Amino acid sequence: MSTIAIYCVTLLFLHTLPVHADEAMDYYNQGLKGSMTRKKIAFFTKALQLDPKLAAAYEQRGLLYYFQGKYDKVI
């Protein structure tokens, strides 16, 4: 019985992972389309909270910080 419960919990957990990845990409895309730097940074930051492996969001956010002269936040 416990094997079935573990299997069900694992399936539920795995089912939620792609949702966060899709949501992260939505925030990333909004950041690309935005025109205000603060909002763009907020979108990229939210995308990274949802998917810390989204390298493109780190790159875009780093570039925005760089152009603002906030070099300590670039990395």
PDB file of N, CA and C in Angstrom:
ATOM      1  N   MET A   1       0.819  -1.204   0.000  1.00  0.00           N
ATOM      2  CA  MET A   1       0.000   0.000   0.000  1.00  0.00           C
ATOM      3  C   MET A   1       0.857   1.259   0.000  1.00  0.00           C
ATOM      4  N   SER A   2       1.957   1.243   0.776  1.00  0.00           N
ATOM      5  CA  SER A   2       2.801   2.433   0.830  1.00  0.00           C
ATOM      6  C   SER A   2       3.514   2.669  -0.501  1.00  0.00           C
ATOM      7  N   THR A   3       3.765   1.607  -1.257  1.00  0.00           N
ATOM      8  CA  THR A   3       4.393   1.755  -2.568  1.00  0.00           C
ATOM      9  C   THR A   3       3.475   2.517  -3.512  1.00  0.00           C
ATOM     10  N   ILE A   4       2.205   2.231  -3.442  1.00  0.00           N
ATOM     11  CA  ILE A   4       1.235   2.930  -4.284  1.00  0.00           C
ATOM     12  C   ILE A   4       1.164   4.404  -3.892  1.00  0.00           C
ATOM     13  N   ALA A   5       1.191   4.676  -2.607  1.00  0.00           N
ATOM     14  CA  ALA A   5       1.143   6.065  -2.140  1.00  0.00           C
ATOM     15  C   ALA A   5       2.375   6.835  -2.605  1.00  0.00           C
ATOM     16  N   ILE A   6       3.541   6.219  -2.502  1.00  0.00           N
ATOM     17  CA  ILE A   6       4.776   6.864  -2.965  1.00  0.00           C
ATOM     18  C   ILE A   6       4.707   7.108  -4.465  1.00  0.00           C
ATOM     19  N   TYR A   7       4.207   6.149  -5.195  1.00  0.00           N
ATOM     20  CA  TYR A   7       4.075   6.283  -6.645  1.00  0.00           C
ATOM     21  C   TYR A   7       3.142   7.443  -7.001  1.00  0.00           C
ATOM     22  N   CYS A   8       2.028   7.546  -6.306  1.00  0.00           N
ATOM     23  CA  CYS A   8       1.064   8.625  -6.569  1.00  0.00           C
ATOM     24  C   CYS A   8       1.654   9.996  -6.242  1.00  0.00           C
ATOM     25  N   VAL A   9       2.343  10.102  -5.120  1.00  0.00           N
ATOM     26  CA  VAL A   9       2.962  11.375  -4.745  1.00  0.00           C
ATOM     27  C   VAL A   9       4.028  11.766  -5.760  1.00  0.00           C
ATOM     28  N   THR A  10       4.810  10.798  -6.212  1.00  0.00           N
ATOM     29  CA  THR A  10       5.838  11.063  -7.220  1.00  0.00           C
ATOM     30  C   THR A  10       5.214  11.552  -8.517  1.00  0.00           C
ATOM     31  N   LEU A  11       4.143  10.924  -8.940  1.00  0.00           N
ATOM     32  CA  LEU A  11       3.469  11.358 -10.162  1.00  0.00           C
ATOM     33  C   LEU A  11       2.913  12.773 -10.029  1.00  0.00           C
ATOM     34  N   LEU A  12       2.343  13.074  -8.876  1.00  0.00           N
ATOM     35  CA  LEU A  12       1.819  14.421  -8.665  1.00  0.00           C
ATOM     36  C   LEU A  12       2.933  15.459  -8.696  1.00  0.00           C
ATOM     37  N   PHE A  13       4.072  15.136  -8.085  1.00  0.00           N
ATOM     38  CA  PHE A  13       5.205  16.056  -8.079  1.00  0.00           C
ATOM     39  C   PHE A  13       5.741  16.263  -9.486  1.00  0.00           C
ATOM     40  N   LEU A  14       5.900  15.200 -10.229  1.00  0.00           N
ATOM     41  CA  LEU A  14       6.421  15.302 -11.588  1.00  0.00           C
ATOM     42  C   LEU A  14       5.450  16.030 -12.509  1.00  0.00           C
ATOM     43  N   HIS A  15       4.191  15.928 -12.211  1.00  0.00           N
ATOM     44  CA  HIS A  15       3.182  16.605 -13.026  1.00  0.00           C
ATOM     45  C   HIS A  15       3.266  18.125 -12.871  1.00  0.00           C
ATOM     46  N   THR A  16       3.675  18.611 -11.705  1.00  0.00           N
ATOM     47  CA  THR A  16       3.739  20.056 -11.475  1.00  0.00           C
ATOM     48  C   THR A  16       4.994  20.689 -12.049  1.00  0.00           C
ATOM     49  N   LEU A  17       6.046  19.941 -12.296  1.00  0.00           N
ATOM     50  CA  LEU A  17       7.291  20.520 -12.797  1.00  0.00           C
ATOM     51  C   LEU A  17       7.140  21.233 -14.134  1.00  0.00           C
ATOM     52  N   PRO A  18       6.527  20.637 -15.142  1.00  0.00           N
ATOM     53  CA  PRO A  18       6.407  21.343 -16.414  1.00  0.00           C
ATOM     54  C   PRO A  18       5.575  22.620 -16.322  1.00  0.00           C
ATOM     55  N   VAL A  19       4.642  22.668 -15.401  1.00  0.00           N
ATOM     56  CA  VAL A  19       3.817  23.863 -15.239  1.00  0.00           C
ATOM     57  C   VAL A  19       4.691  25.042 -14.839  1.00  0.00           C
ATOM     58  N   HIS A  20       5.613  24.824 -13.905  1.00  0.00           N
ATOM     59  CA  HIS A  20       6.506  25.900 -13.485  1.00  0.00           C
ATOM     60  C   HIS A  20       7.433  26.310 -14.614  1.00  0.00           C
ATOM     61  N   ALA A  21       7.890  25.354 -15.405  1.00  0.00           N
ATOM     62  CA  ALA A  21       8.767  25.677 -16.529  1.00  0.00           C
ATOM     63  C   ALA A  21       8.024  26.524 -17.553  1.00  0.00           C
ATOM     64  N   ASP A  22       6.784  26.164 -17.844  1.00  0.00           N
ATOM     65  CA  ASP A  22       5.982  26.949 -18.785  1.00  0.00           C
ATOM     66  C   ASP A  22       5.713  28.348 -18.235  1.00  0.00           C
ATOM     67  N   GLU A  23       5.401  28.411 -16.957  1.00  0.00           N
ATOM     68  CA  GLU A  23       5.130  29.704 -16.334  1.00  0.00           C
ATOM     69  C   GLU A  23       6.394  30.565 -16.323  1.00  0.00           C
ATOM     70  N   ALA A  24       7.535  29.932 -16.078  1.00  0.00           N
ATOM     71  CA  ALA A  24       8.808  30.657 -16.105  1.00  0.00           C
ATOM     72  C   ALA A  24       9.074  31.226 -17.491  1.00  0.00           C
ATOM     73  N   MET A  25       8.791  30.450 -18.521  1.00  0.00           N
ATOM     74  CA  MET A  25       8.986  30.931 -19.890  1.00  0.00           C
ATOM     75  C   MET A  25       8.026  32.076 -20.213  1.00  0.00           C
ATOM     76  N   ASP A  26       6.828  32.035 -19.647  1.00  0.00           N
ATOM     77  CA  ASP A  26       5.882  33.138 -19.849  1.00  0.00           C
ATOM     78  C   ASP A  26       6.444  34.442 -19.277  1.00  0.00           C
ATOM     79  N   TYR A  27       6.990  34.365 -18.054  1.00  0.00           N
ATOM     80  CA  TYR A  27       7.593  35.555 -17.452  1.00  0.00           C
ATOM     81  C   TYR A  27       8.815  36.009 -18.247  1.00  0.00           C
ATOM     82  N   TYR A  28       9.608  35.064 -18.708  1.00  0.00           N
ATOM     83  CA  TYR A  28      10.781  35.396 -19.520  1.00  0.00           C
ATOM     84  C   TYR A  28      10.357  36.133 -20.790  1.00  0.00           C
ATOM     85  N   ASN A  29       9.357  35.621 -21.466  1.00  0.00           N
ATOM     86  CA  ASN A  29       8.875  36.256 -22.698  1.00  0.00           C
ATOM     87  C   ASN A  29       8.294  37.647 -22.435  1.00  0.00           C
ATOM     88  N   GLN A  30       7.619  37.815 -21.306  1.00  0.00           N
ATOM     89  CA  GLN A  30       7.105  39.141 -20.955  1.00  0.00           C
ATOM     90  C   GLN A  30       8.257  40.115 -20.730  1.00  0.00           C
ATOM     91  N   GLY A  31       9.334  39.612 -20.143  1.00  0.00           N
ATOM     92  CA  GLY A  31      10.514  40.450 -19.942  1.00  0.00           C
ATOM     93  C   GLY A  31      11.136  40.882 -21.253  1.00  0.00           C
ATOM     94  N   LEU A  32      11.121  39.994 -22.234  1.00  0.00           N
ATOM     95  CA  LEU A  32      11.668  40.344 -23.544  1.00  0.00           C
ATOM     96  C   LEU A  32      10.819  41.398 -24.240  1.00  0.00           C
ATOM     97  N   LYS A  33       9.511  41.347 -24.022  1.00  0.00           N
ATOM     98  CA  LYS A  33       8.597  42.267 -24.701  1.00  0.00           C
ATOM     99  C   LYS A  33       8.475  43.611 -23.990  1.00  0.00           C
ATOM    100  N   GLY A  34       8.809  43.648 -22.725  1.00  0.00           N
ATOM    101  CA  GLY A  34       8.612  44.867 -21.946  1.00  0.00           C
ATOM    102  C   GLY A  34       9.470  46.021 -22.418  1.00  0.00           C
ATOM    103  N   SER A  35       9.080  47.221 -22.013  1.00  0.00           N
ATOM    104  CA  SER A  35       9.843  48.399 -22.397  1.00  0.00           C
ATOM    105  C   SER A  35      10.482  49.093 -21.194  1.00  0.00           C
ATOM    106  N   MET A  36       9.937  48.895 -20.014  1.00  0.00           N
ATOM    107  CA  MET A  36      10.499  49.521 -18.818  1.00  0.00           C
ATOM    108  C   MET A  36      11.487  48.568 -18.161  1.00  0.00           C
ATOM    109  N   THR A  37      12.681  49.065 -17.910  1.00  0.00           N
ATOM    110  CA  THR A  37      13.756  48.228 -17.390  1.00  0.00           C
ATOM    111  C   THR A  37      13.390  47.585 -16.063  1.00  0.00           C
ATOM    112  N   ARG A  38      12.778  48.329 -15.158  1.00  0.00           N
ATOM    113  CA  ARG A  38      12.424  47.759 -13.851  1.00  0.00           C
ATOM    114  C   ARG A  38      11.464  46.585 -14.002  1.00  0.00           C
ATOM    115  N   LYS A  39      10.492  46.743 -14.880  1.00  0.00           N
ATOM    116  CA  LYS A  39       9.530  45.656 -15.086  1.00  0.00           C
ATOM    117  C   LYS A  39      10.209  44.459 -15.739  1.00  0.00           C
ATOM    118  N   LYS A  40      11.106  44.725 -16.671  1.00  0.00           N
ATOM    119  CA  LYS A  40      11.813  43.634 -17.334  1.00  0.00           C
ATOM    120  C   LYS A  40      12.621  42.841 -16.313  1.00  0.00           C
ATOM    121  N   ILE A  41      13.330  43.541 -15.435  1.00  0.00           N
ATOM    122  CA  ILE A  41      14.121  42.874 -14.400  1.00  0.00           C
ATOM    123  C   ILE A  41      13.208  42.055 -13.499  1.00  0.00           C
ATOM    124  N   ALA A  42      12.058  42.596 -13.144  1.00  0.00           N
ATOM    125  CA  ALA A  42      11.110  41.867 -12.293  1.00  0.00           C
ATOM    126  C   ALA A  42      10.609  40.604 -12.983  1.00  0.00           C
ATOM    127  N   PHE A  43      10.327  40.682 -14.288  1.00  0.00           N
ATOM    128  CA  PHE A  43       9.877  39.496 -15.018  1.00  0.00           C
ATOM    129  C   PHE A  43      10.973  38.435 -15.069  1.00  0.00           C
ATOM    130  N   PHE A  44      12.209  38.849 -15.349  1.00  0.00           N
ATOM    131  CA  PHE A  44      13.303  37.881 -15.405  1.00  0.00           C
ATOM    132  C   PHE A  44      13.566  37.269 -14.029  1.00  0.00           C
ATOM    133  N   THR A  45      13.459  38.066 -12.988  1.00  0.00           N
ATOM    134  CA  THR A  45      13.653  37.559 -11.630  1.00  0.00           C
ATOM    135  C   THR A  45      12.574  36.542 -11.277  1.00  0.00           C
ATOM    136  N   LYS A  46      11.330  36.827 -11.626  1.00  0.00           N
ATOM    137  CA  LYS A  46      10.231  35.884 -11.360  1.00  0.00           C
ATOM    138  C   LYS A  46      10.443  34.592 -12.142  1.00  0.00           C
ATOM    139  N   ALA A  47      10.887  34.711 -13.386  1.00  0.00           N
ATOM    140  CA  ALA A  47      11.166  33.519 -14.189  1.00  0.00           C
ATOM    141  C   ALA A  47      12.242  32.672 -13.525  1.00  0.00           C
ATOM    142  N   LEU A  48      13.253  33.317 -12.962  1.00  0.00           N
ATOM    143  CA  LEU A  48      14.336  32.580 -12.303  1.00  0.00           C
ATOM    144  C   LEU A  48      13.886  31.957 -10.989  1.00  0.00           C
ATOM    145  N   GLN A  49      12.948  32.573 -10.313  1.00  0.00           N
ATOM    146  CA  GLN A  49      12.402  31.968  -9.096  1.00  0.00           C
ATOM    147  C   GLN A  49      11.668  30.677  -9.431  1.00  0.00           C
ATOM    148  N   LEU A  50      10.994  30.668 -10.556  1.00  0.00           N
ATOM    149  CA  LEU A  50      10.234  29.487 -10.967  1.00  0.00           C
ATOM    150  C   LEU A  50      11.125  28.425 -11.599  1.00  0.00           C
ATOM    151  N   ASP A  51      12.162  28.865 -12.316  1.00  0.00           N
ATOM    152  CA  ASP A  51      13.068  27.926 -12.979  1.00  0.00           C
ATOM    153  C   ASP A  51      14.495  28.453 -12.882  1.00  0.00           C
ATOM    154  N   PRO A  52      15.207  28.101 -11.802  1.00  0.00           N
ATOM    155  CA  PRO A  52      16.569  28.606 -11.600  1.00  0.00           C
ATOM    156  C   PRO A  52      17.570  28.164 -12.672  1.00  0.00           C
ATOM    157  N   LYS A  53      17.203  27.236 -13.514  1.00  0.00           N
ATOM    158  CA  LYS A  53      18.105  26.767 -14.567  1.00  0.00           C
ATOM    159  C   LYS A  53      17.907  27.501 -15.893  1.00  0.00           C
ATOM    160  N   LEU A  54      17.070  28.503 -15.905  1.00  0.00           N
ATOM    161  CA  LEU A  54      16.770  29.249 -17.127  1.00  0.00           C
ATOM    162  C   LEU A  54      17.889  30.269 -17.381  1.00  0.00           C
ATOM    163  N   ALA A  55      18.938  29.802 -18.047  1.00  0.00           N
ATOM    164  CA  ALA A  55      20.148  30.602 -18.245  1.00  0.00           C
ATOM    165  C   ALA A  55      19.880  31.887 -19.016  1.00  0.00           C
ATOM    166  N   ALA A  56      18.984  31.852 -19.970  1.00  0.00           N
ATOM    167  CA  ALA A  56      18.700  33.046 -20.775  1.00  0.00           C
ATOM    168  C   ALA A  56      18.162  34.186 -19.914  1.00  0.00           C
ATOM    169  N   ALA A  57      17.411  33.864 -18.874  1.00  0.00           N
ATOM    170  CA  ALA A  57      16.882  34.900 -17.985  1.00  0.00           C
ATOM    171  C   ALA A  57      18.013  35.539 -17.183  1.00  0.00           C
ATOM    172  N   TYR A  58      18.996  34.726 -16.755  1.00  0.00           N
ATOM    173  CA  TYR A  58      20.168  35.283 -16.073  1.00  0.00           C
ATOM    174  C   TYR A  58      20.912  36.236 -17.005  1.00  0.00           C
ATOM    175  N   GLU A  59      21.054  35.830 -18.247  1.00  0.00           N
ATOM    176  CA  GLU A  59      21.772  36.647 -19.221  1.00  0.00           C
ATOM    177  C   GLU A  59      21.069  37.985 -19.449  1.00  0.00           C
ATOM    178  N   GLN A  60      19.777  37.944 -19.697  1.00  0.00           N
ATOM    179  CA  GLN A  60      19.024  39.166 -19.968  1.00  0.00           C
ATOM    180  C   GLN A  60      19.008  40.095 -18.755  1.00  0.00           C
ATOM    181  N   ARG A  61      18.793  39.522 -17.580  1.00  0.00           N
ATOM    182  CA  ARG A  61      18.771  40.340 -16.363  1.00  0.00           C
ATOM    183  C   ARG A  61      20.144  40.947 -16.103  1.00  0.00           C
ATOM    184  N   GLY A  62      21.187  40.159 -16.335  1.00  0.00           N
ATOM    185  CA  GLY A  62      22.543  40.663 -16.161  1.00  0.00           C
ATOM    186  C   GLY A  62      22.857  41.812 -17.103  1.00  0.00           C
ATOM    187  N   LEU A  63      22.407  41.709 -18.337  1.00  0.00           N
ATOM    188  CA  LEU A  63      22.625  42.794 -19.301  1.00  0.00           C
ATOM    189  C   LEU A  63      21.909  44.073 -18.868  1.00  0.00           C
ATOM    190  N   LEU A  64      20.701  43.925 -18.366  1.00  0.00           N
ATOM    191  CA  LEU A  64      19.960  45.104 -17.902  1.00  0.00           C
ATOM    192  C   LEU A  64      20.676  45.773 -16.732  1.00  0.00           C
ATOM    193  N   TYR A  65      21.149  44.963 -15.786  1.00  0.00           N
ATOM    194  CA  TYR A  65      21.903  45.524 -14.666  1.00  0.00           C
ATOM    195  C   TYR A  65      23.189  46.185 -15.158  1.00  0.00           C
ATOM    196  N   TYR A  66      23.845  45.574 -16.127  1.00  0.00           N
ATOM    197  CA  TYR A  66      25.086  46.115 -16.670  1.00  0.00           C
ATOM    198  C   TYR A  66      24.848  47.499 -17.276  1.00  0.00           C
ATOM    199  N   PHE A  67      23.818  47.624 -18.084  1.00  0.00           N
ATOM    200  CA  PHE A  67      23.537  48.901 -18.731  1.00  0.00           C
ATOM    201  C   PHE A  67      23.063  49.967 -17.743  1.00  0.00           C
ATOM    202  N   GLN A  68      22.594  49.539 -16.588  1.00  0.00           N
ATOM    203  CA  GLN A  68      22.223  50.488 -15.538  1.00  0.00           C
ATOM    204  C   GLN A  68      23.431  50.883 -14.691  1.00  0.00           C
ATOM    205  N   GLY A  69      24.547  50.202 -14.901  1.00  0.00           N
ATOM    206  CA  GLY A  69      25.739  50.473 -14.106  1.00  0.00           C
ATOM    207  C   GLY A  69      25.744  49.764 -12.765  1.00  0.00           C
ATOM    208  N   LYS A  70      24.855  48.815 -12.574  1.00  0.00           N
ATOM    209  CA  LYS A  70      24.780  48.048 -11.326  1.00  0.00           C
ATOM    210  C   LYS A  70      25.617  46.778 -11.476  1.00  0.00           C
ATOM    211  N   TYR A  71      26.926  46.990 -11.546  1.00  0.00           N
ATOM    212  CA  TYR A  71      27.841  45.897 -11.859  1.00  0.00           C
ATOM    213  C   TYR A  71      27.867  44.811 -10.790  1.00  0.00           C
ATOM    214  N   ASP A  72      27.597  45.175  -9.540  1.00  0.00           N
ATOM    215  CA  ASP A  72      27.591  44.181  -8.469  1.00  0.00           C
ATOM    216  C   ASP A  72      26.440  43.192  -8.609  1.00  0.00           C
ATOM    217  N   LYS A  73      25.398  43.558  -9.322  1.00  0.00           N
ATOM    218  CA  LYS A  73      24.246  42.669  -9.489  1.00  0.00           C
ATOM    219  C   LYS A  73      24.307  41.856 -10.778  1.00  0.00           C
ATOM    220  N   VAL A  74      25.277  42.169 -11.625  1.00  0.00           N
ATOM    221  CA  VAL A  74      25.363  41.485 -12.920  1.00  0.00           C
ATOM    222  C   VAL A  74      25.594  39.998 -12.735  1.00  0.00           C
ATOM    223  N   ILE A  75      26.456  39.638 -11.814  1.00  0.00           N
ATOM    224  CA  ILE A  75      26.804  38.218 -11.629  1.00  0.00           C
ATOM    225  C   ILE A  75      25.813  37.552 -10.712  1.00  0.00           C
TER     226      ILE A  75
END
